[in-house]
Amino acid sequence: MLPAVVKLCCGISYPHLRSMAGLQRTAVAVIGQEMTHLQRWGQVLHHMTPQPRFTCKEPKTEDLKAGPAKENQLFYVQQGQEAMKKALSMLEDREGWKKEITETNGDVICSKVIPGASKVFRLEAVLEASVDTLYDLLFVRVEEMHQWNPSIQHIKILKHFGPETIITHEVSAEKAGNLIGQRDFLSVRHSCKQKSRVYLGGAAIQLDSLPPQAGFVRAEDGPTCIVIQALDEDSTKSRFTWLLNMDVKGWLPKSIVNQALPRAQLDFTRHLRSRLSLS
């Protein structure tokens, strides 16, 4: 959701997608351009080294505003935590993952069909940035994400609930020839720091004050997460694991969506690397 809530753009530059003809190729391009939500978050699942189990800290009530609204604030904090726990539990189950894509730079995407969550995708990559730098870009400064990801029109933080939980509204960038219109996302995002790791998680929510907007298709994140872990041998590099679990809504068939989503993850990572190269 969170950084959230990372925006996606389609990998139409890849050869096998360029060879797709007519409506199918256009649909792949459109779905990638519009699926702009973040931050889509994952647990580090290194194949050789088991990772310690994640435990959420209880929310600090002193960080929340006093008054009758405190109970409501705790509700959203707990929603964010619960979404993160559910997403991480998907990653902790190592059975059933199928390799989809292996890039020459080492990025790997696997997929898995989960009952009640359709098909989810796990990207694993190593980025040339510290854990703190990535946390700052993807959570603290999430409203600036449109500056380096052209698939985003804007991301706005609607509410803060202490330092670790936010509600965001995101709108994808408008594209010429758009078959299904712009997407928007309403999400709760939660972050948690544990030693040399940062966890970012979230899910779609509903707010009476912001119902679905005319002219937009409101896509929804299932429980989704990102885990950022410092490499033991080099603290200036981080292992980046992203679980993408999304219902894009609209009319496109699942077969097209399932081809576009993993390529969209790679394209987002490319934009992120470009931004990091400027630091």
Protein backbone atom coordinates (compact mmCIF):
# COMPACT_ATOMS: atom_id res chain seq x y z
CA MET A 1 0.00 0.00 0.00
CA LEU A 2 1.77 1.55 1.40
CA PRO A 3 4.46 2.79 -0.60
CA ALA A 4 3.59 2.31 -1.08
CA VAL A 5 2.06 1.55 -3.20
CA VAL A 6 4.35 1.31 -5.89
CA LYS A 7 3.24 2.10 -9.35
CA LEU A 8 3.36 -0.29 -12.19
CA CYS A 9 4.03 0.14 -15.85
CA CYS A 10 3.93 -2.44 -18.58
CA GLY A 11 6.96 -4.17 -20.05
CA ILE A 12 6.00 -3.74 -23.69
CA SER A 13 9.64 -3.21 -24.59
CA TYR A 14 10.28 -6.91 -24.07
CA PRO A 15 10.59 -8.95 -27.29
CA HIS A 16 7.93 -11.55 -26.59
CA LEU A 17 5.39 -8.81 -25.87
CA ARG A 18 6.30 -6.86 -28.97
CA SER A 19 5.40 -9.95 -30.96
CA MET A 20 1.84 -10.04 -29.57
CA ALA A 21 -0.62 -8.75 -32.10
CA GLY A 22 -3.66 -6.48 -32.06
CA LEU A 23 -5.88 -6.10 -29.05
CA GLN A 24 -3.88 -8.49 -26.87
CA ARG A 25 -0.68 -6.46 -27.20
CA THR A 26 -2.56 -3.18 -26.63
CA ALA A 27 -4.29 -4.63 -23.59
CA VAL A 28 -0.98 -5.67 -22.06
CA ALA A 29 0.39 -2.19 -22.58
CA VAL A 30 -2.67 -0.54 -21.08
CA ILE A 31 -2.87 -2.75 -18.03
CA GLY A 32 0.78 -2.15 -17.27
CA GLN A 33 0.53 1.59 -17.72
CA GLU A 34 -2.47 1.88 -15.46
CA MET A 35 -1.65 -0.53 -12.70
CA THR A 36 0.21 2.03 -10.71
CA HIS A 37 -0.25 0.90 -7.18
CA LEU A 38 2.38 0.52 -4.84
CA GLN A 39 3.80 -0.44 -3.41
CA ARG A 40 2.81 -4.09 -3.56
CA TRP A 41 4.95 -5.53 -0.72
CA GLY A 42 6.90 -8.89 -0.05
CA GLN A 43 8.89 -10.91 2.53
CA VAL A 44 12.56 -11.71 1.88
CA LEU A 45 12.61 -15.37 0.88
CA HIS A 46 16.21 -16.12 0.08
CA HIS A 47 16.38 -19.68 -1.22
CA MET A 48 19.41 -20.64 0.83
CA THR A 49 18.88 -18.76 4.11
CA PRO A 50 15.62 -19.04 6.10
CA GLN A 51 14.42 -15.69 7.41
CA PRO A 52 13.28 -15.00 11.00
CA ARG A 53 9.54 -14.79 11.47
CA PHE A 54 7.97 -11.38 11.46
CA THR A 55 6.12 -10.09 14.52
CA CYS A 56 4.24 -6.79 14.56
CA LYS A 57 4.73 -4.42 17.44
CA GLU A 58 1.58 -3.36 19.20
CA PRO A 59 0.52 0.17 18.18
CA LYS A 60 1.68 2.88 20.57
CA THR A 61 -1.44 4.68 21.68
CA GLU A 62 0.62 7.71 22.73
CA ASP A 63 1.45 8.26 19.05
CA LEU A 64 -2.24 8.65 18.20
CA LYS A 65 -4.31 11.77 18.67
CA ALA A 66 -6.26 11.96 21.90
CA GLY A 67 -10.04 12.08 21.94
CA PRO A 68 -12.97 9.98 20.70
CA ALA A 69 -11.22 9.33 17.36
CA LYS A 70 -8.42 7.29 18.97
CA GLU A 71 -10.40 4.05 18.75
CA ASN A 72 -11.00 4.69 15.04
CA GLN A 73 -7.28 5.34 14.52
CA LEU A 74 -6.38 2.07 16.22
CA PHE A 75 -8.76 0.29 13.85
CA TYR A 76 -6.78 1.46 10.81
CA VAL A 77 -3.42 0.68 12.43
CA GLN A 78 -4.63 -2.83 13.16
CA GLN A 79 -5.94 -3.18 9.61
CA GLY A 80 -2.51 -2.30 8.26
CA GLN A 81 -0.80 -4.73 10.60
CA GLU A 82 -3.21 -7.53 9.76
CA ALA A 83 -2.73 -6.99 6.03
CA MET A 84 1.03 -7.21 6.49
CA LYS A 85 0.77 -10.41 8.52
CA LYS A 86 -1.46 -12.07 5.92
CA ALA A 87 0.84 -11.09 3.06
CA LEU A 88 3.92 -12.34 4.86
CA SER A 89 2.22 -15.62 5.69
CA MET A 90 1.77 -16.17 1.94
CA LEU A 91 5.51 -15.79 1.50
CA GLU A 92 6.43 -17.98 4.46
CA ASP A 93 4.70 -20.89 2.74
CA ARG A 94 7.40 -22.00 0.31
CA GLU A 95 5.29 -24.63 -1.42
CA GLY A 96 3.77 -24.09 -4.83
CA TRP A 97 5.86 -21.22 -6.19
CA LYS A 98 6.58 -21.34 -9.93
CA LYS A 99 9.38 -19.38 -11.58
CA GLU A 100 8.00 -16.95 -14.17
CA ILE A 101 10.93 -14.72 -15.18
CA THR A 102 14.69 -14.63 -14.57
CA GLU A 103 16.47 -11.47 -15.70
CA THR A 104 20.16 -11.20 -16.61
CA ASN A 105 20.63 -8.72 -13.72
CA GLY A 106 19.51 -11.37 -11.24
CA ASP A 107 15.91 -10.23 -10.71
CA VAL A 108 13.57 -13.20 -10.31
CA ILE A 109 9.76 -13.34 -10.33
CA CYS A 110 7.79 -16.36 -9.13
CA SER A 111 4.03 -16.86 -9.03
CA LYS A 112 1.59 -18.87 -6.99
CA VAL A 113 -2.15 -19.46 -7.05
CA ILE A 114 -3.57 -18.89 -3.58
CA PRO A 115 -7.20 -19.74 -2.74
CA GLY A 116 -9.10 -16.51 -2.23
CA ALA A 117 -6.29 -14.39 -3.67
CA SER A 118 -6.13 -15.57 -7.29
CA LYS A 119 -2.55 -15.44 -8.63
CA VAL A 120 0.13 -13.56 -6.69
CA PHE A 121 3.64 -12.64 -7.78
CA ARG A 122 6.88 -12.43 -5.83
CA LEU A 123 9.78 -10.34 -7.13
CA GLU A 124 13.26 -10.65 -5.64
CA ALA A 125 16.00 -8.20 -6.55
CA VAL A 126 19.15 -6.60 -5.15
CA LEU A 127 19.17 -2.79 -5.21
CA GLU A 128 22.10 -0.40 -4.89
CA ALA A 129 20.67 1.46 -1.90
CA SER A 130 20.53 1.19 1.85
CA VAL A 131 17.44 0.05 3.73
CA ASP A 132 16.90 3.58 5.05
CA THR A 133 17.10 5.12 1.57
CA LEU A 134 14.49 2.74 0.19
CA TYR A 135 12.22 3.23 3.21
CA ASP A 136 12.42 6.99 2.70
CA LEU A 137 11.53 6.76 -1.01
CA LEU A 138 8.77 4.18 -0.72
CA PHE A 139 7.05 5.22 2.49
CA VAL A 140 8.12 8.56 3.96
CA ARG A 141 8.18 10.37 0.59
CA VAL A 142 5.52 8.32 -1.15
CA GLU A 143 3.74 11.49 -2.34
CA GLU A 144 6.80 12.26 -4.50
CA MET A 145 6.70 8.94 -6.33
CA HIS A 146 5.14 10.47 -9.46
CA GLN A 147 8.37 12.42 -9.96
CA TRP A 148 10.27 9.27 -10.87
CA ASN A 149 7.51 6.86 -11.93
CA PRO A 150 5.69 8.09 -15.04
CA SER A 151 2.75 5.74 -14.46
CA ILE A 152 1.57 7.77 -11.48
CA GLN A 153 -0.50 10.92 -11.74
CA HIS A 154 -0.48 11.52 -8.00
CA ILE A 155 -0.41 9.89 -4.58
CA LYS A 156 -1.90 11.77 -1.67
CA ILE A 157 -1.65 10.87 2.01
CA LEU A 158 -5.15 11.37 3.40
CA LYS A 159 -4.51 10.43 7.02
CA HIS A 160 -1.61 9.70 9.36
CA PHE A 161 -2.08 7.32 12.28
CA GLY A 162 1.15 7.68 14.21
CA PRO A 163 4.49 7.36 12.38
CA GLU A 164 3.88 3.88 10.93
CA THR A 165 0.40 3.90 9.35
CA ILE A 166 -1.10 6.03 6.59
CA ILE A 167 -4.12 6.04 4.29
CA THR A 168 -3.35 6.98 0.69
CA HIS A 169 -5.32 7.73 -2.45
CA GLU A 170 -3.49 7.10 -5.71
CA VAL A 171 -4.40 7.82 -9.31
CA SER A 172 -2.65 6.37 -12.33
CA ALA A 173 -1.43 8.63 -15.10
CA GLU A 174 -3.76 9.15 -18.06
CA LYS A 175 -2.50 7.53 -21.24
CA ALA A 176 -3.51 8.02 -24.87
CA GLY A 177 -5.45 5.08 -26.28
CA ASN A 178 -6.46 3.92 -22.83
CA LEU A 179 -8.90 1.00 -23.22
CA ILE A 180 -10.22 0.82 -19.66
CA GLY A 181 -9.69 4.28 -18.19
CA GLN A 182 -7.58 5.41 -15.28
CA ARG A 183 -7.32 3.40 -12.08
CA ASP A 184 -7.43 4.73 -8.58
CA PHE A 185 -6.54 3.01 -5.30
CA LEU A 186 -7.56 3.66 -1.71
CA SER A 187 -5.23 1.87 0.68
CA VAL A 188 -4.05 1.58 4.25
CA ARG A 189 -0.26 1.24 4.46
CA HIS A 190 1.76 0.12 7.44
CA SER A 191 5.51 0.05 8.04
CA CYS A 192 7.66 -1.72 10.59
CA LYS A 193 11.42 -1.59 11.21
CA GLN A 194 13.25 -4.54 12.73
CA LYS A 195 17.04 -4.32 12.99
CA SER A 196 18.39 -4.49 9.43
CA ARG A 197 14.96 -4.97 7.83
CA VAL A 198 11.98 -2.82 6.91
CA TYR A 199 8.53 -4.28 6.26
CA LEU A 200 5.94 -2.36 4.24
CA GLY A 201 2.44 -3.76 3.93
CA GLY A 202 -1.08 -2.78 3.11
CA ALA A 203 -4.45 -3.51 1.55
CA ALA A 204 -7.45 -1.84 0.00
CA ILE A 205 -9.90 -0.11 2.33
CA GLN A 206 -13.16 1.82 2.03
CA LEU A 207 -13.88 5.34 3.25
CA ASP A 208 -17.32 6.93 3.22
CA SER A 209 -15.60 10.25 2.55
CA LEU A 210 -13.98 8.93 -0.66
CA PRO A 211 -16.24 6.54 -2.58
CA PRO A 212 -15.27 5.32 -6.06
CA GLN A 213 -14.88 8.28 -8.41
CA ALA A 214 -16.66 8.81 -11.72
CA GLY A 215 -14.33 8.16 -14.65
CA PHE A 216 -12.04 5.81 -12.72
CA VAL A 217 -11.96 2.08 -12.15
CA ARG A 218 -11.08 1.48 -8.50
CA ALA A 219 -8.62 -1.38 -8.37
CA GLU A 220 -7.95 -3.20 -5.12
CA ASP A 221 -4.89 -4.60 -3.41
CA GLY A 222 -5.22 -7.83 -1.58
CA PRO A 223 -2.87 -8.14 1.38
CA THR A 224 0.44 -7.10 -0.13
CA CYS A 225 3.89 -6.34 1.19
CA ILE A 226 7.52 -5.46 0.58
CA VAL A 227 10.50 -6.52 2.65
CA ILE A 228 13.79 -4.64 2.40
CA GLN A 229 16.82 -6.30 3.98
CA ALA A 230 20.42 -5.14 4.12
CA LEU A 231 22.91 -7.49 2.50
CA ASP A 232 25.22 -8.93 5.13
CA GLU A 233 28.33 -8.25 3.08
CA ASP A 234 27.39 -4.71 1.98
CA SER A 235 25.04 -2.41 3.92
CA THR A 236 24.85 -0.05 0.92
CA LYS A 237 22.88 -2.73 -0.96
CA SER A 238 19.51 -4.21 -0.10
CA ARG A 239 17.58 -7.32 -0.97
CA PHE A 240 14.16 -6.20 -2.17
CA THR A 241 11.25 -8.67 -2.07
CA TRP A 242 7.80 -7.61 -3.23
CA LEU A 243 4.59 -9.63 -3.05
CA LEU A 244 2.11 -8.27 -5.59
CA ASN A 245 -1.49 -9.28 -4.92
CA MET A 246 -3.95 -7.16 -6.92
CA ASP A 247 -7.42 -7.19 -8.42
CA VAL A 248 -7.28 -4.66 -11.26
CA LYS A 249 -11.05 -4.90 -11.91
CA GLY A 250 -12.31 -3.97 -15.37
CA TRP A 251 -12.93 -6.29 -18.31
CA LEU A 252 -9.50 -7.61 -19.27
CA PRO A 253 -9.19 -11.41 -19.08
CA LYS A 254 -7.06 -12.94 -16.35
CA SER A 255 -4.66 -14.42 -18.90
CA ILE A 256 -3.69 -10.92 -20.06
CA VAL A 257 -3.49 -9.53 -16.53
CA ASN A 258 -1.29 -12.43 -15.41
CA GLN A 259 1.15 -11.76 -18.26
CA ALA A 260 1.26 -8.02 -17.57
CA LEU A 261 1.68 -8.06 -13.79
CA PRO A 262 5.14 -9.67 -13.53
CA ARG A 263 6.46 -7.51 -16.36
CA ALA A 264 5.01 -4.50 -14.59
CA GLN A 265 6.98 -5.42 -11.46
CA LEU A 266 10.19 -5.48 -13.46
CA ASP A 267 9.38 -2.15 -15.05
CA PHE A 268 8.69 -0.53 -11.68
CA THR A 269 12.02 -1.85 -10.41
CA ARG A 270 13.72 -0.33 -13.44
CA HIS A 271 12.22 3.09 -12.65
CA LEU A 272 13.28 2.71 -9.02
CA ARG A 273 16.84 1.90 -10.03
CA SER A 274 16.91 4.95 -12.28
CA ARG A 275 15.82 7.12 -9.37
CA LEU A 276 18.45 5.60 -7.09
CA SER A 277 21.17 6.28 -9.65
CA LEU A 278 20.54 10.01 -9.20
CA SER A 279 21.21 9.92 -5.45
